[in-house]
N, C-alpha and C. Protein backbone atom coordinates (compact mmCIF):
# COMPACT_ATOMS: atom_id res chain seq x y z
N MET A 1 -6.34 -7.89 34.46
CA MET A 1 -5.58 -7.10 33.51
C MET A 1 -4.15 -7.65 33.46
N GLN A 2 -3.67 -7.84 32.25
CA GLN A 2 -2.33 -8.38 32.02
C GLN A 2 -1.61 -7.45 31.04
N GLY A 3 -0.30 -7.44 31.10
CA GLY A 3 0.51 -6.67 30.16
C GLY A 3 1.33 -7.58 29.28
N ARG A 4 1.65 -7.11 28.10
CA ARG A 4 2.50 -7.89 27.20
C ARG A 4 3.40 -6.95 26.41
N ALA A 5 4.69 -7.31 26.35
CA ALA A 5 5.67 -6.58 25.54
C ALA A 5 5.98 -7.45 24.32
N ILE A 6 5.89 -6.86 23.13
CA ILE A 6 6.06 -7.60 21.88
C ILE A 6 7.12 -6.91 21.03
N HIS A 7 8.01 -7.70 20.45
CA HIS A 7 9.03 -7.17 19.53
C HIS A 7 8.94 -7.97 18.24
N ILE A 8 8.87 -7.26 17.12
CA ILE A 8 8.72 -7.89 15.81
C ILE A 8 9.83 -7.41 14.89
N THR A 9 10.45 -8.35 14.18
CA THR A 9 11.45 -8.00 13.18
C THR A 9 11.00 -8.51 11.82
N GLY A 10 11.61 -7.97 10.79
CA GLY A 10 11.29 -8.33 9.42
C GLY A 10 10.96 -7.08 8.62
N ILE A 11 10.24 -7.24 7.53
CA ILE A 11 9.80 -6.08 6.75
C ILE A 11 8.49 -5.61 7.37
N VAL A 12 8.64 -4.76 8.38
CA VAL A 12 7.50 -4.29 9.17
C VAL A 12 7.46 -2.76 9.24
N GLN A 13 8.28 -2.10 8.45
CA GLN A 13 8.26 -0.65 8.37
C GLN A 13 8.03 -0.25 6.92
N GLY A 14 7.17 0.73 6.72
CA GLY A 14 6.86 1.19 5.38
C GLY A 14 5.81 0.34 4.69
N VAL A 15 5.11 -0.49 5.46
CA VAL A 15 4.11 -1.40 4.88
C VAL A 15 2.75 -1.26 5.58
N GLY A 16 2.56 -0.19 6.33
CA GLY A 16 1.29 0.00 7.04
C GLY A 16 1.17 -0.83 8.30
N PHE A 17 2.30 -1.23 8.88
CA PHE A 17 2.25 -2.12 10.04
C PHE A 17 1.75 -1.41 11.30
N ARG A 18 2.24 -0.21 11.58
CA ARG A 18 1.77 0.49 12.79
C ARG A 18 0.27 0.80 12.71
N PRO A 19 -0.25 1.30 11.58
CA PRO A 19 -1.70 1.48 11.50
C PRO A 19 -2.47 0.17 11.65
N PHE A 20 -1.92 -0.92 11.12
CA PHE A 20 -2.53 -2.24 11.29
C PHE A 20 -2.59 -2.61 12.77
N VAL A 21 -1.48 -2.44 13.48
CA VAL A 21 -1.43 -2.76 14.92
C VAL A 21 -2.42 -1.88 15.68
N TYR A 22 -2.47 -0.61 15.33
CA TYR A 22 -3.40 0.33 15.97
C TYR A 22 -4.84 -0.17 15.84
N GLY A 23 -5.24 -0.50 14.64
CA GLY A 23 -6.60 -0.99 14.41
C GLY A 23 -6.88 -2.30 15.13
N LEU A 24 -5.90 -3.18 15.14
CA LEU A 24 -6.03 -4.47 15.82
C LEU A 24 -6.19 -4.27 17.33
N ALA A 25 -5.41 -3.36 17.90
CA ALA A 25 -5.51 -3.09 19.34
C ALA A 25 -6.89 -2.54 19.69
N LEU A 26 -7.40 -1.64 18.86
CA LEU A 26 -8.74 -1.10 19.12
C LEU A 26 -9.80 -2.19 19.01
N ARG A 27 -9.65 -3.06 18.02
CA ARG A 27 -10.61 -4.15 17.82
C ARG A 27 -10.65 -5.08 19.03
N HIS A 28 -9.51 -5.27 19.68
CA HIS A 28 -9.44 -6.19 20.82
C HIS A 28 -9.48 -5.45 22.16
N ASP A 29 -9.83 -4.17 22.13
CA ASP A 29 -9.99 -3.36 23.34
C ASP A 29 -8.72 -3.36 24.20
N LEU A 30 -7.58 -3.17 23.55
CA LEU A 30 -6.30 -3.12 24.25
C LEU A 30 -5.82 -1.68 24.35
N LYS A 31 -5.07 -1.39 25.38
CA LYS A 31 -4.47 -0.07 25.57
C LYS A 31 -2.96 -0.24 25.54
N GLY A 32 -2.26 0.82 25.12
CA GLY A 32 -0.80 0.76 25.08
C GLY A 32 -0.25 1.56 23.93
N TRP A 33 0.77 1.02 23.27
CA TRP A 33 1.41 1.75 22.18
C TRP A 33 2.16 0.82 21.22
N VAL A 34 2.47 1.38 20.05
CA VAL A 34 3.31 0.73 19.05
C VAL A 34 4.29 1.79 18.55
N ARG A 35 5.51 1.37 18.23
CA ARG A 35 6.48 2.30 17.64
C ARG A 35 7.49 1.55 16.79
N ASN A 36 7.99 2.22 15.78
CA ASN A 36 9.12 1.72 15.01
C ASN A 36 10.39 1.94 15.82
N THR A 37 11.33 1.04 15.67
CA THR A 37 12.68 1.26 16.18
C THR A 37 13.64 0.88 15.07
N SER A 38 14.90 1.14 15.26
CA SER A 38 15.90 0.74 14.27
C SER A 38 16.06 -0.77 14.24
N GLU A 39 15.41 -1.47 15.15
CA GLU A 39 15.51 -2.93 15.22
C GLU A 39 14.21 -3.64 14.84
N GLY A 40 13.17 -2.89 14.47
CA GLY A 40 11.90 -3.51 14.13
C GLY A 40 10.73 -2.69 14.64
N VAL A 41 9.76 -3.38 15.22
CA VAL A 41 8.57 -2.72 15.80
C VAL A 41 8.40 -3.23 17.22
N ASP A 42 8.20 -2.31 18.15
CA ASP A 42 7.90 -2.64 19.54
C ASP A 42 6.45 -2.31 19.84
N ILE A 43 5.82 -3.21 20.59
CA ILE A 43 4.42 -3.02 21.00
C ILE A 43 4.34 -3.30 22.49
N ARG A 44 3.61 -2.46 23.19
CA ARG A 44 3.35 -2.68 24.62
C ARG A 44 1.85 -2.56 24.80
N VAL A 45 1.19 -3.62 25.27
CA VAL A 45 -0.27 -3.62 25.40
C VAL A 45 -0.72 -4.16 26.75
N ASP A 46 -1.84 -3.63 27.20
CA ASP A 46 -2.53 -4.11 28.40
C ASP A 46 -3.94 -4.53 28.02
N GLY A 47 -4.43 -5.58 28.65
CA GLY A 47 -5.80 -6.03 28.41
C GLY A 47 -6.05 -7.36 29.07
N SER A 48 -7.19 -7.94 28.78
CA SER A 48 -7.50 -9.27 29.32
C SER A 48 -6.61 -10.30 28.64
N MET A 49 -6.37 -11.41 29.30
CA MET A 49 -5.54 -12.47 28.73
C MET A 49 -6.12 -12.96 27.41
N GLU A 50 -7.44 -13.10 27.34
CA GLU A 50 -8.08 -13.56 26.11
C GLU A 50 -7.84 -12.57 24.97
N SER A 51 -8.01 -11.27 25.25
CA SER A 51 -7.79 -10.26 24.21
C SER A 51 -6.34 -10.22 23.76
N LEU A 52 -5.42 -10.36 24.71
CA LEU A 52 -4.00 -10.37 24.36
C LEU A 52 -3.66 -11.56 23.47
N ASP A 53 -4.21 -12.72 23.79
CA ASP A 53 -3.95 -13.92 22.98
C ASP A 53 -4.53 -13.78 21.58
N LEU A 54 -5.74 -13.24 21.47
CA LEU A 54 -6.36 -13.02 20.16
C LEU A 54 -5.57 -11.99 19.35
N PHE A 55 -5.11 -10.95 20.02
CA PHE A 55 -4.29 -9.91 19.38
C PHE A 55 -3.00 -10.51 18.83
N LEU A 56 -2.34 -11.31 19.63
CA LEU A 56 -1.08 -11.93 19.21
C LEU A 56 -1.29 -12.85 18.01
N ALA A 57 -2.34 -13.64 18.04
CA ALA A 57 -2.64 -14.52 16.90
C ALA A 57 -2.93 -13.71 15.65
N ALA A 58 -3.68 -12.62 15.80
CA ALA A 58 -4.03 -11.78 14.64
C ALA A 58 -2.80 -11.07 14.08
N LEU A 59 -1.84 -10.71 14.94
CA LEU A 59 -0.61 -10.10 14.44
C LEU A 59 0.05 -11.01 13.41
N ARG A 60 0.07 -12.29 13.70
CA ARG A 60 0.71 -13.25 12.80
C ARG A 60 -0.16 -13.55 11.57
N GLN A 61 -1.45 -13.71 11.80
CA GLN A 61 -2.34 -14.19 10.73
C GLN A 61 -2.88 -13.10 9.81
N GLU A 62 -2.95 -11.86 10.28
CA GLU A 62 -3.60 -10.80 9.50
C GLU A 62 -2.67 -9.67 9.10
N ALA A 63 -1.37 -9.86 9.23
CA ALA A 63 -0.42 -8.79 8.92
C ALA A 63 -0.67 -8.24 7.52
N PRO A 64 -0.36 -6.97 7.30
CA PRO A 64 -0.56 -6.38 5.98
C PRO A 64 0.15 -7.20 4.90
N PRO A 65 -0.41 -7.22 3.69
CA PRO A 65 0.15 -8.08 2.64
C PRO A 65 1.60 -7.76 2.27
N LEU A 66 2.04 -6.53 2.49
CA LEU A 66 3.41 -6.16 2.15
C LEU A 66 4.39 -6.46 3.28
N ALA A 67 3.87 -6.84 4.45
CA ALA A 67 4.72 -7.13 5.61
C ALA A 67 5.26 -8.56 5.53
N PHE A 68 6.43 -8.74 6.11
CA PHE A 68 7.01 -10.08 6.27
C PHE A 68 7.62 -10.14 7.66
N ILE A 69 7.06 -10.99 8.52
CA ILE A 69 7.53 -11.12 9.90
C ILE A 69 8.60 -12.19 9.96
N ASP A 70 9.82 -11.78 10.33
CA ASP A 70 10.91 -12.73 10.55
C ASP A 70 10.78 -13.36 11.93
N SER A 71 10.56 -12.52 12.94
CA SER A 71 10.42 -13.03 14.30
C SER A 71 9.43 -12.17 15.08
N LEU A 72 8.76 -12.83 16.01
CA LEU A 72 7.82 -12.16 16.89
C LEU A 72 8.02 -12.75 18.28
N THR A 73 8.44 -11.92 19.22
CA THR A 73 8.60 -12.39 20.60
C THR A 73 7.63 -11.61 21.48
N ALA A 74 6.98 -12.33 22.36
CA ALA A 74 6.02 -11.73 23.28
C ALA A 74 6.35 -12.17 24.70
N THR A 75 6.40 -11.21 25.60
CA THR A 75 6.73 -11.47 26.99
C THR A 75 5.65 -10.88 27.88
N ASP A 76 5.12 -11.68 28.80
CA ASP A 76 4.16 -11.15 29.76
C ASP A 76 4.88 -10.21 30.70
N CYS A 77 4.21 -9.13 31.09
CA CYS A 77 4.79 -8.15 32.00
C CYS A 77 3.68 -7.48 32.80
N GLN A 78 4.07 -6.67 33.74
CA GLN A 78 3.10 -5.96 34.56
C GLN A 78 2.33 -4.96 33.70
N PRO A 79 1.02 -4.85 33.88
CA PRO A 79 0.26 -3.84 33.13
C PRO A 79 0.62 -2.43 33.59
N ASN A 80 0.54 -1.48 32.68
CA ASN A 80 0.83 -0.08 33.00
C ASN A 80 -0.41 0.77 33.11
N GLU A 81 -1.58 0.16 32.90
CA GLU A 81 -2.84 0.87 32.97
C GLU A 81 -2.87 2.08 32.02
N PHE A 82 -2.50 1.83 30.75
CA PHE A 82 -2.57 2.86 29.72
C PHE A 82 -4.02 3.29 29.55
N ALA A 83 -4.24 4.55 29.20
CA ALA A 83 -5.60 5.07 29.01
C ALA A 83 -6.10 4.85 27.59
N VAL A 84 -5.18 4.80 26.62
CA VAL A 84 -5.53 4.69 25.20
C VAL A 84 -4.49 3.80 24.50
N PHE A 85 -4.73 3.53 23.21
CA PHE A 85 -3.69 2.92 22.39
C PHE A 85 -3.21 4.00 21.42
N GLU A 86 -1.90 4.12 21.27
CA GLU A 86 -1.35 5.18 20.42
C GLU A 86 -0.15 4.70 19.62
N ILE A 87 0.12 5.43 18.56
CA ILE A 87 1.34 5.22 17.79
C ILE A 87 2.34 6.23 18.33
N ARG A 88 3.41 5.73 18.90
CA ARG A 88 4.42 6.61 19.50
C ARG A 88 5.51 6.97 18.50
N HIS A 89 6.26 8.01 18.85
CA HIS A 89 7.40 8.40 18.03
C HIS A 89 8.41 7.26 17.99
N SER A 90 9.06 7.14 16.87
CA SER A 90 10.04 6.07 16.68
C SER A 90 11.26 6.27 17.55
N GLU A 91 12.00 5.18 17.73
CA GLU A 91 13.20 5.22 18.56
C GLU A 91 14.38 4.69 17.75
N ALA A 92 15.41 5.51 17.63
CA ALA A 92 16.62 5.09 16.93
C ALA A 92 17.50 4.31 17.89
N VAL A 93 18.05 3.21 17.41
CA VAL A 93 18.96 2.38 18.19
C VAL A 93 20.29 2.36 17.46
N GLN A 94 21.32 2.90 18.09
CA GLN A 94 22.63 3.01 17.47
C GLN A 94 23.15 1.66 17.02
N GLY A 95 23.61 1.57 15.77
CA GLY A 95 24.22 0.35 15.26
C GLY A 95 23.25 -0.73 14.84
N ALA A 96 21.96 -0.47 14.92
CA ALA A 96 20.96 -1.48 14.56
C ALA A 96 20.68 -1.45 13.06
N SER A 97 20.11 -2.54 12.57
CA SER A 97 19.72 -2.57 11.16
C SER A 97 18.30 -3.09 11.04
N GLN A 98 17.67 -2.76 9.93
CA GLN A 98 16.26 -3.09 9.74
C GLN A 98 16.01 -3.23 8.24
N PRO A 99 15.45 -4.35 7.77
CA PRO A 99 15.13 -4.43 6.34
C PRO A 99 14.04 -3.42 5.97
N ILE A 100 14.16 -2.86 4.79
CA ILE A 100 13.21 -1.85 4.32
C ILE A 100 12.44 -2.42 3.14
N SER A 101 11.18 -2.12 3.09
CA SER A 101 10.32 -2.55 1.99
C SER A 101 10.82 -1.95 0.68
N PRO A 102 10.72 -2.70 -0.40
CA PRO A 102 11.02 -2.09 -1.71
C PRO A 102 9.91 -1.10 -2.07
N ASP A 103 10.15 -0.31 -3.09
CA ASP A 103 9.09 0.56 -3.61
C ASP A 103 7.97 -0.34 -4.14
N ILE A 104 6.74 0.11 -4.00
CA ILE A 104 5.58 -0.70 -4.37
C ILE A 104 4.80 0.01 -5.48
N ALA A 105 4.46 -0.75 -6.53
CA ALA A 105 3.70 -0.20 -7.66
C ALA A 105 2.37 0.38 -7.18
N ILE A 106 1.85 1.31 -7.92
CA ILE A 106 0.61 2.00 -7.56
C ILE A 106 -0.54 1.00 -7.36
N CYS A 107 -1.29 1.21 -6.29
CA CYS A 107 -2.43 0.34 -5.97
C CYS A 107 -3.67 0.80 -6.75
N ASP A 108 -4.70 -0.02 -6.76
CA ASP A 108 -5.93 0.30 -7.49
C ASP A 108 -6.61 1.57 -6.96
N ASP A 109 -6.59 1.76 -5.63
CA ASP A 109 -7.22 2.96 -5.06
C ASP A 109 -6.52 4.23 -5.53
N CYS A 110 -5.20 4.24 -5.49
CA CYS A 110 -4.45 5.42 -5.95
C CYS A 110 -4.61 5.61 -7.45
N LEU A 111 -4.67 4.52 -8.19
CA LEU A 111 -4.86 4.61 -9.64
C LEU A 111 -6.20 5.28 -9.97
N ARG A 112 -7.24 4.92 -9.21
CA ARG A 112 -8.56 5.56 -9.40
C ARG A 112 -8.47 7.07 -9.13
N GLU A 113 -7.81 7.44 -8.04
CA GLU A 113 -7.65 8.86 -7.71
C GLU A 113 -6.85 9.59 -8.79
N LEU A 114 -5.81 8.96 -9.26
CA LEU A 114 -4.94 9.55 -10.27
C LEU A 114 -5.71 9.93 -11.54
N HIS A 115 -6.73 9.15 -11.88
CA HIS A 115 -7.49 9.37 -13.11
C HIS A 115 -8.85 10.05 -12.88
N ASP A 116 -9.12 10.48 -11.66
CA ASP A 116 -10.40 11.11 -11.33
C ASP A 116 -10.23 12.64 -11.33
N PRO A 117 -10.79 13.34 -12.33
CA PRO A 117 -10.63 14.79 -12.41
C PRO A 117 -11.14 15.55 -11.18
N SER A 118 -12.02 14.94 -10.40
CA SER A 118 -12.53 15.62 -9.20
C SER A 118 -11.66 15.38 -7.97
N ASP A 119 -10.66 14.52 -8.07
CA ASP A 119 -9.79 14.22 -6.93
C ASP A 119 -8.63 15.22 -6.86
N ARG A 120 -8.25 15.60 -5.66
CA ARG A 120 -7.17 16.58 -5.52
C ARG A 120 -5.81 16.05 -5.97
N ARG A 121 -5.68 14.74 -6.11
CA ARG A 121 -4.43 14.15 -6.61
C ARG A 121 -4.53 13.74 -8.09
N TYR A 122 -5.50 14.27 -8.79
CA TYR A 122 -5.67 14.00 -10.21
C TYR A 122 -4.37 14.29 -10.96
N ARG A 123 -3.88 13.26 -11.65
CA ARG A 123 -2.64 13.33 -12.45
C ARG A 123 -1.39 13.68 -11.63
N TYR A 124 -1.44 13.52 -10.32
CA TYR A 124 -0.26 13.79 -9.50
C TYR A 124 0.67 12.58 -9.57
N PRO A 125 1.86 12.72 -10.14
CA PRO A 125 2.72 11.56 -10.42
C PRO A 125 3.30 10.87 -9.18
N PHE A 126 3.26 11.53 -8.03
CA PHE A 126 3.87 10.95 -6.83
C PHE A 126 2.81 10.45 -5.84
N ILE A 127 1.64 10.12 -6.33
CA ILE A 127 0.54 9.62 -5.50
C ILE A 127 0.97 8.33 -4.80
N ASN A 128 0.54 8.16 -3.55
CA ASN A 128 0.89 6.96 -2.77
C ASN A 128 -0.04 6.84 -1.57
N CYS A 129 0.04 5.70 -0.90
CA CYS A 129 -0.70 5.47 0.35
C CYS A 129 0.07 4.40 1.13
N THR A 130 -0.52 3.86 2.18
CA THR A 130 0.20 2.83 2.95
C THR A 130 0.36 1.54 2.15
N ASN A 131 -0.39 1.39 1.06
CA ASN A 131 -0.33 0.17 0.26
C ASN A 131 0.56 0.27 -0.97
N CYS A 132 1.05 1.46 -1.28
CA CYS A 132 1.88 1.60 -2.48
C CYS A 132 2.76 2.84 -2.38
N GLY A 133 3.69 2.94 -3.33
CA GLY A 133 4.53 4.13 -3.41
C GLY A 133 5.97 3.86 -3.03
N PRO A 134 6.75 4.94 -2.95
CA PRO A 134 8.18 4.79 -2.68
C PRO A 134 8.45 4.41 -1.23
N ARG A 135 9.44 3.60 -1.04
CA ARG A 135 9.93 3.24 0.29
C ARG A 135 11.47 3.28 0.25
N PHE A 136 12.02 2.27 -0.40
CA PHE A 136 13.48 2.11 -0.43
C PHE A 136 14.18 3.32 -1.07
N THR A 137 13.61 3.87 -2.14
CA THR A 137 14.29 4.95 -2.85
C THR A 137 14.28 6.28 -2.10
N ILE A 138 13.42 6.43 -1.09
CA ILE A 138 13.36 7.71 -0.39
C ILE A 138 13.98 7.67 1.00
N ILE A 139 14.29 6.49 1.51
CA ILE A 139 14.77 6.40 2.89
C ILE A 139 16.24 6.81 2.99
N LYS A 140 16.56 7.57 4.03
CA LYS A 140 17.94 7.97 4.29
C LYS A 140 18.49 7.29 5.54
N ASP A 141 17.59 6.91 6.45
CA ASP A 141 18.02 6.28 7.71
C ASP A 141 16.81 5.56 8.30
N ILE A 142 17.08 4.72 9.29
CA ILE A 142 16.02 4.04 10.00
C ILE A 142 15.94 4.61 11.41
N PRO A 143 14.81 4.50 12.07
CA PRO A 143 13.57 3.88 11.64
C PRO A 143 12.89 4.66 10.51
N TYR A 144 11.98 3.98 9.81
CA TYR A 144 11.30 4.55 8.65
C TYR A 144 10.24 5.54 9.11
N ASP A 145 10.61 6.80 9.13
CA ASP A 145 9.71 7.91 9.45
C ASP A 145 10.04 9.06 8.52
N ARG A 146 9.09 9.90 8.24
CA ARG A 146 9.26 10.98 7.27
C ARG A 146 10.54 11.80 7.49
N PRO A 147 10.90 12.17 8.73
CA PRO A 147 12.13 12.95 8.90
C PRO A 147 13.40 12.22 8.43
N PHE A 148 13.34 10.90 8.29
CA PHE A 148 14.50 10.12 7.84
C PHE A 148 14.38 9.75 6.37
N THR A 149 13.52 10.46 5.64
CA THR A 149 13.35 10.22 4.20
C THR A 149 13.57 11.52 3.44
N THR A 150 13.63 11.42 2.13
CA THR A 150 13.75 12.62 1.31
C THR A 150 12.49 13.47 1.37
N MET A 151 11.41 12.95 1.92
CA MET A 151 10.16 13.71 2.06
C MET A 151 10.24 14.73 3.19
N THR A 152 11.29 14.71 3.98
CA THR A 152 11.44 15.68 5.06
C THR A 152 11.45 17.11 4.55
N ASP A 153 11.84 17.30 3.29
CA ASP A 153 11.88 18.64 2.69
C ASP A 153 10.51 19.12 2.21
N PHE A 154 9.49 18.28 2.38
CA PHE A 154 8.14 18.60 1.90
C PHE A 154 7.13 18.49 3.04
N PRO A 155 6.99 19.54 3.86
CA PRO A 155 6.01 19.49 4.95
C PRO A 155 4.60 19.27 4.40
N MET A 156 3.83 18.45 5.10
CA MET A 156 2.47 18.14 4.67
C MET A 156 1.57 19.37 4.76
N CYS A 157 0.71 19.53 3.76
CA CYS A 157 -0.34 20.55 3.83
C CYS A 157 -1.40 20.07 4.84
N ASP A 158 -2.35 20.92 5.14
CA ASP A 158 -3.38 20.57 6.12
C ASP A 158 -4.18 19.33 5.70
N ASP A 159 -4.51 19.23 4.40
CA ASP A 159 -5.29 18.08 3.94
C ASP A 159 -4.51 16.78 4.08
N CYS A 160 -3.24 16.79 3.69
CA CYS A 160 -2.42 15.58 3.82
C CYS A 160 -2.19 15.24 5.29
N ALA A 161 -1.97 16.25 6.12
CA ALA A 161 -1.78 16.01 7.56
C ALA A 161 -3.03 15.40 8.17
N ALA A 162 -4.20 15.83 7.72
CA ALA A 162 -5.46 15.26 8.23
C ALA A 162 -5.58 13.79 7.84
N GLU A 163 -5.23 13.44 6.60
CA GLU A 163 -5.26 12.04 6.18
C GLU A 163 -4.27 11.22 7.00
N TYR A 164 -3.08 11.75 7.20
CA TYR A 164 -2.02 11.08 7.94
C TYR A 164 -2.45 10.78 9.38
N ALA A 165 -3.24 11.67 9.96
CA ALA A 165 -3.65 11.53 11.36
C ALA A 165 -4.95 10.76 11.56
N ASN A 166 -5.64 10.41 10.48
CA ASN A 166 -6.95 9.78 10.56
C ASN A 166 -6.84 8.25 10.52
N PRO A 167 -7.14 7.56 11.63
CA PRO A 167 -7.03 6.10 11.64
C PRO A 167 -7.92 5.40 10.61
N ALA A 168 -8.96 6.06 10.13
CA ALA A 168 -9.86 5.44 9.15
C ALA A 168 -9.40 5.66 7.71
N ASP A 169 -8.34 6.43 7.51
CA ASP A 169 -7.86 6.76 6.17
C ASP A 169 -6.75 5.80 5.75
N ARG A 170 -6.70 5.42 4.49
CA ARG A 170 -5.65 4.51 4.04
C ARG A 170 -4.28 5.19 3.99
N ARG A 171 -4.24 6.48 4.21
CA ARG A 171 -2.96 7.19 4.31
C ARG A 171 -2.56 7.45 5.77
N PHE A 172 -3.25 6.82 6.70
CA PHE A 172 -2.92 6.93 8.13
C PHE A 172 -1.49 6.47 8.34
N HIS A 173 -0.66 7.38 8.79
CA HIS A 173 0.76 7.14 9.05
C HIS A 173 1.54 6.68 7.81
N ALA A 174 1.09 7.07 6.62
CA ALA A 174 1.85 6.82 5.39
C ALA A 174 2.92 7.91 5.30
N GLN A 175 4.17 7.54 5.47
CA GLN A 175 5.25 8.52 5.57
C GLN A 175 5.42 9.39 4.32
N PRO A 176 5.29 8.85 3.10
CA PRO A 176 5.50 9.71 1.93
C PRO A 176 4.26 10.45 1.44
N VAL A 177 3.18 10.48 2.22
CA VAL A 177 1.94 11.12 1.75
C VAL A 177 2.23 12.54 1.27
N ALA A 178 1.66 12.87 0.11
CA ALA A 178 1.87 14.18 -0.50
C ALA A 178 0.78 14.42 -1.54
N CYS A 179 0.72 15.64 -2.01
CA CYS A 179 -0.23 16.02 -3.06
C CYS A 179 0.40 17.16 -3.85
N PRO A 180 -0.25 17.65 -4.89
CA PRO A 180 0.32 18.75 -5.67
C PRO A 180 0.55 20.02 -4.85
N GLU A 181 -0.21 20.18 -3.77
CA GLU A 181 -0.08 21.36 -2.92
C GLU A 181 1.22 21.35 -2.10
N CYS A 182 1.63 20.17 -1.62
CA CYS A 182 2.75 20.13 -0.67
C CYS A 182 3.90 19.21 -1.08
N GLY A 183 3.72 18.39 -2.07
CA GLY A 183 4.73 17.39 -2.41
C GLY A 183 5.65 17.79 -3.54
N PRO A 184 6.52 16.87 -3.92
CA PRO A 184 7.43 17.11 -5.04
C PRO A 184 6.66 17.44 -6.32
N GLN A 185 7.30 18.17 -7.20
CA GLN A 185 6.68 18.60 -8.46
C GLN A 185 7.52 18.13 -9.65
N VAL A 186 6.87 18.02 -10.80
CA VAL A 186 7.53 17.75 -12.06
C VAL A 186 7.20 18.91 -12.98
N TRP A 187 8.23 19.48 -13.61
CA TRP A 187 7.97 20.60 -14.53
C TRP A 187 8.25 20.18 -15.94
């Protein structure tokens, strides 16, 4: 068992990066955590040397299409014998800066939902997921988490919270997730 500490900078917040890392860690049977910071993304993982090397290569080669990695540093360290892999709460670093993703045009999946009369987001103008929607226009501070965006005034309903918490959902950890029940309205 080996440990590795990884720090990534670039456009790695608001682009589905933490859910990507989460899925990648599960795929490679790694334990540990990922979190946003005001300086980028930090990852701490434990696993076999082979799994750690494959994970590191996949971070670079399979990053979400909206992500842009400026730098990736990995340091071997003592394993902590984590029981699971988790997305941890973000950490603010005083005086740090972090590039933010621009707003992204609606994706094909959200467009289908928008026009599907049986979908709960039918004709909802603020539809979004980890692949599209507002980023730059809603952020008030870094790290990029809902409490630091204009969405903080719109608590998620149970359905949106379930999507946000589901690793298999494309809205997993999508900060601006909302619907007509809980999100902004147009009159």
